[in-house]
C-alpha atoms as a PDB file:
ATOM      1  CA  UNK A   1      92.668  72.684 -85.104  1.00  0.00           C
ATOM      2  CA  UNK A   2      92.572  72.667 -81.391  1.00  0.00           C
ATOM      3  CA  UNK A   3      94.319  69.782 -79.617  1.00  0.00           C
ATOM      4  CA  UNK A   4      91.155  68.910 -77.648  1.00  0.00           C
ATOM      5  CA  UNK A   5      89.161  68.515 -80.871  1.00  0.00           C
ATOM      6  CA  UNK A   6      91.848  66.306 -82.420  1.00  0.00           C
ATOM      7  CA  UNK A   7      91.904  64.146 -79.286  1.00  0.00           C
ATOM      8  CA  UNK A   8      88.091  63.891 -79.405  1.00  0.00           C
ATOM      9  CA  UNK A   9      88.171  62.775 -83.064  1.00  0.00           C
ATOM     10  CA  UNK A  10      90.878  60.173 -82.328  1.00  0.00           C
ATOM     11  CA  UNK A  11      89.066  58.731 -79.316  1.00  0.00           C
ATOM     12  CA  UNK A  12      85.756  58.656 -81.195  1.00  0.00           C
ATOM     13  CA  UNK A  13      87.407  56.801 -84.093  1.00  0.00           C
ATOM     14  CA  UNK A  14      88.991  54.253 -81.769  1.00  0.00           C
ATOM     15  CA  UNK A  15      85.698  53.654 -79.947  1.00  0.00           C
ATOM     16  CA  UNK A  16      83.794  53.266 -83.219  1.00  0.00           C
ATOM     17  CA  UNK A  17      86.389  50.802 -84.544  1.00  0.00           C
ATOM     18  CA  UNK A  18      86.187  48.785 -81.320  1.00  0.00           C
ATOM     19  CA  UNK A  19      82.407  48.775 -81.379  1.00  0.00           C
ATOM     20  CA  UNK A  20      82.287  47.709 -85.025  1.00  0.00           C
ATOM     21  CA  UNK A  21      84.872  44.977 -84.419  1.00  0.00           C
ATOM     22  CA  UNK A  22      83.040  43.606 -81.375  1.00  0.00           C
ATOM     23  CA  UNK A  23      79.776  43.373 -83.322  1.00  0.00           C
ATOM     24  CA  UNK A  24      81.027  40.476 -85.510  1.00  0.00           C
ATOM     25  CA  UNK A  25      78.391  37.821 -85.912  1.00  0.00           C
ATOM     26  CA  UNK A  26      78.904  34.637 -83.939  1.00  0.00           C
ATOM     27  CA  UNK A  27      77.143  31.540 -85.178  1.00  0.00           C
ATOM     28  CA  UNK A  28      76.451  28.574 -82.907  1.00  0.00           C
ATOM     29  CA  UNK A  29      75.842  25.084 -84.265  1.00  0.00           C
ATOM     30  CA  UNK A  30      75.558  21.607 -82.762  1.00  0.00           C
ATOM     31  CA  UNK A  31      76.277  18.321 -84.477  1.00  0.00           C
ATOM     32  CA  UNK A  32      77.214  14.739 -83.628  1.00  0.00           C
ATOM     33  CA  UNK A  33      80.864  13.711 -83.370  1.00  0.00           C
ATOM     34  CA  UNK A  34      81.632  10.100 -82.523  1.00  0.00           C
ATOM     35  CA  UNK A  35      83.925   9.337 -79.606  1.00  0.00           C
ATOM     36  CA  UNK A  36      83.966   7.277 -76.429  1.00  0.00           C
ATOM     37  CA  UNK A  37      85.841   8.880 -73.563  1.00  0.00           C
ATOM     38  CA  UNK A  38      87.438  11.897 -71.917  1.00  0.00           C
ATOM     39  CA  UNK A  39      90.502  11.519 -74.167  1.00  0.00           C
ATOM     40  CA  UNK A  40      88.155  11.852 -77.129  1.00  0.00           C
ATOM     41  CA  UNK A  41      86.589  14.960 -75.569  1.00  0.00           C
ATOM     42  CA  UNK A  42      89.992  16.589 -75.190  1.00  0.00           C
ATOM     43  CA  UNK A  43      91.062  15.645 -78.730  1.00  0.00           C
ATOM     44  CA  UNK A  44      87.800  16.834 -80.324  1.00  0.00           C
ATOM     45  CA  UNK A  45      87.750  20.140 -78.461  1.00  0.00           C
ATOM     46  CA  UNK A  46      91.465  20.728 -79.127  1.00  0.00           C
ATOM     47  CA  UNK A  47      90.842  20.162 -82.833  1.00  0.00           C
ATOM     48  CA  UNK A  48      88.550  23.191 -82.804  1.00  0.00           C
ATOM     49  CA  UNK A  49      91.285  25.452 -81.444  1.00  0.00           C
ATOM     50  CA  UNK A  50      91.232  27.439 -84.680  1.00  0.00           C
ATOM     51  CA  UNK A  51      91.207  31.115 -85.557  1.00  0.00           C
ATOM     52  CA  UNK A  52      87.568  32.176 -85.625  1.00  0.00           C
ATOM     53  CA  UNK A  53      86.280  29.518 -83.215  1.00  0.00           C
ATOM     54  CA  UNK A  54      85.045  31.211 -80.054  1.00  0.00           C
ATOM     55  CA  UNK A  55      84.043  28.134 -78.046  1.00  0.00           C
ATOM     56  CA  UNK A  56      83.520  24.405 -78.459  1.00  0.00           C
ATOM     57  CA  UNK A  57      82.085  21.886 -76.012  1.00  0.00           C
ATOM     58  CA  UNK A  58      81.668  18.168 -76.767  1.00  0.00           C
ATOM     59  CA  UNK A  59      79.250  16.243 -74.555  1.00  0.00           C
ATOM     60  CA  UNK A  60      80.402  12.684 -73.820  1.00  0.00           C
ATOM     61  CA  UNK A  61      76.882  11.398 -73.050  1.00  0.00           C
ATOM     62  CA  UNK A  62      75.211  12.670 -76.220  1.00  0.00           C
ATOM     63  CA  UNK A  63      78.263  12.808 -78.544  1.00  0.00           C
ATOM     64  CA  UNK A  64      77.088  16.283 -79.553  1.00  0.00           C
ATOM     65  CA  UNK A  65      79.440  19.211 -79.961  1.00  0.00           C
ATOM     66  CA  UNK A  66      78.305  22.812 -79.780  1.00  0.00           C
ATOM     67  CA  UNK A  67      80.614  25.204 -81.582  1.00  0.00           C
ATOM     68  CA  UNK A  68      80.434  28.997 -81.545  1.00  0.00           C
ATOM     69  CA  UNK A  69      82.410  30.598 -84.357  1.00  0.00           C
ATOM     70  CA  UNK A  70      82.753  33.681 -86.540  1.00  0.00           C
ATOM     71  CA  UNK A  71      81.716  32.659 -90.067  1.00  0.00           C
ATOM     72  CA  UNK A  72      83.666  35.543 -91.612  1.00  0.00           C
ATOM     73  CA  UNK A  73      86.853  33.996 -90.170  1.00  0.00           C
ATOM     74  CA  UNK A  74      86.227  30.247 -90.540  1.00  0.00           C
ATOM     75  CA  UNK A  75      83.657  27.997 -92.172  1.00  0.00           C
ATOM     76  CA  UNK A  76      81.761  25.159 -90.553  1.00  0.00           C
ATOM     77  CA  UNK A  77      83.274  22.840 -93.176  1.00  0.00           C
ATOM     78  CA  UNK A  78      86.790  23.838 -92.027  1.00  0.00           C
ATOM     79  CA  UNK A  79      85.871  23.128 -88.403  1.00  0.00           C
ATOM     80  CA  UNK A  80      84.430  19.729 -89.303  1.00  0.00           C
ATOM     81  CA  UNK A  81      87.495  18.872 -91.398  1.00  0.00           C
ATOM     82  CA  UNK A  82      89.775  19.727 -88.439  1.00  0.00           C
ATOM     83  CA  UNK A  83      87.741  17.433 -86.172  1.00  0.00           C
ATOM     84  CA  UNK A  84      87.834  14.642 -88.753  1.00  0.00           C
ATOM     85  CA  UNK A  85      91.587  15.128 -89.165  1.00  0.00           C
ATOM     86  CA  UNK A  86      91.903  14.451 -85.420  1.00  0.00           C
ATOM     87  CA  UNK A  87      90.331  11.005 -85.936  1.00  0.00           C
ATOM     88  CA  UNK A  88      86.631  11.542 -85.263  1.00  0.00           C
ATOM     89  CA  UNK A  89      83.732  10.920 -87.641  1.00  0.00           C
ATOM     90  CA  UNK A  90      80.624  13.011 -88.083  1.00  0.00           C
ATOM     91  CA  UNK A  91      77.536  12.195 -90.129  1.00  0.00           C
ATOM     92  CA  UNK A  92      78.825  14.017 -93.212  1.00  0.00           C
ATOM     93  CA  UNK A  93      82.587  13.881 -92.705  1.00  0.00           C
ATOM     94  CA  UNK A  94      84.655  10.765 -92.116  1.00  0.00           C
ATOM     95  CA  UNK A  95      88.058  10.816 -90.444  1.00  0.00           C
ATOM     96  CA  UNK A  96      90.979   9.481 -92.480  1.00  0.00           C
ATOM     97  CA  UNK A  97      91.288   5.732 -91.842  1.00  0.00           C
ATOM     98  CA  UNK A  98      94.975   5.942 -90.875  1.00  0.00           C
ATOM     99  CA  UNK A  99      94.252   8.643 -88.284  1.00  0.00           C
ATOM    100  CA  UNK A 100      91.323   6.664 -86.852  1.00  0.00           C
ATOM    101  CA  UNK A 101      93.486   3.517 -86.608  1.00  0.00           C
ATOM    102  CA  UNK A 102      96.075   5.568 -84.688  1.00  0.00           C
ATOM    103  CA  UNK A 103      93.627   6.452 -81.922  1.00  0.00           C
ATOM    104  CA  UNK A 104      94.009   4.766 -78.542  1.00  0.00           C
ATOM    105  CA  UNK A 105      91.992   1.532 -78.432  1.00  0.00           C
ATOM    106  CA  UNK A 106      89.409   2.973 -76.024  1.00  0.00           C
ATOM    107  CA  UNK A 107      88.811   5.821 -78.484  1.00  0.00           C
ATOM    108  CA  UNK A 108      88.059   3.572 -81.454  1.00  0.00           C
ATOM    109  CA  UNK A 109      84.278   3.767 -81.757  1.00  0.00           C
ATOM    110  CA  UNK A 110      82.284   1.564 -84.140  1.00  0.00           C
ATOM    111  CA  UNK A 111      82.421   3.334 -87.516  1.00  0.00           C
ATOM    112  CA  UNK A 112      80.317   1.411 -89.983  1.00  0.00           C
ATOM    113  CA  UNK A 113      76.879   2.896 -89.302  1.00  0.00           C
ATOM    114  CA  UNK A 114      78.004   6.310 -88.054  1.00  0.00           C
ATOM    115  CA  UNK A 115      77.854   8.355 -91.185  1.00  0.00           C
ATOM    116  CA  UNK A 116      75.592   8.892 -94.140  1.00  0.00           C
ATOM    117  CA  UNK A 117      77.095   7.685 -97.392  1.00  0.00           C
END
């Protein structure tokens, strides 16, 4: 085979692999996460620093987080569990009591009516 043809085949393969890899589906979801302040925002967003999460933004005024992630790399349940493990409740997932109690006092939101039993 001629060297130019081999180079063409290699470059084509690399480009196709890159194109296929960059076409991974990204899902975006929004859901409520309870918190009170900027420290909560930092903690909640840092909790989503996981492989497969592309972006996460928690809005202090609405208590809503929007998460963009690759479902083939991470599940929404795993993301929610990571947020709960940081001390923050959602409607369907409750943070461990000991973690919640360890939050700074300004971060301790009212829990009793926040989630669906």
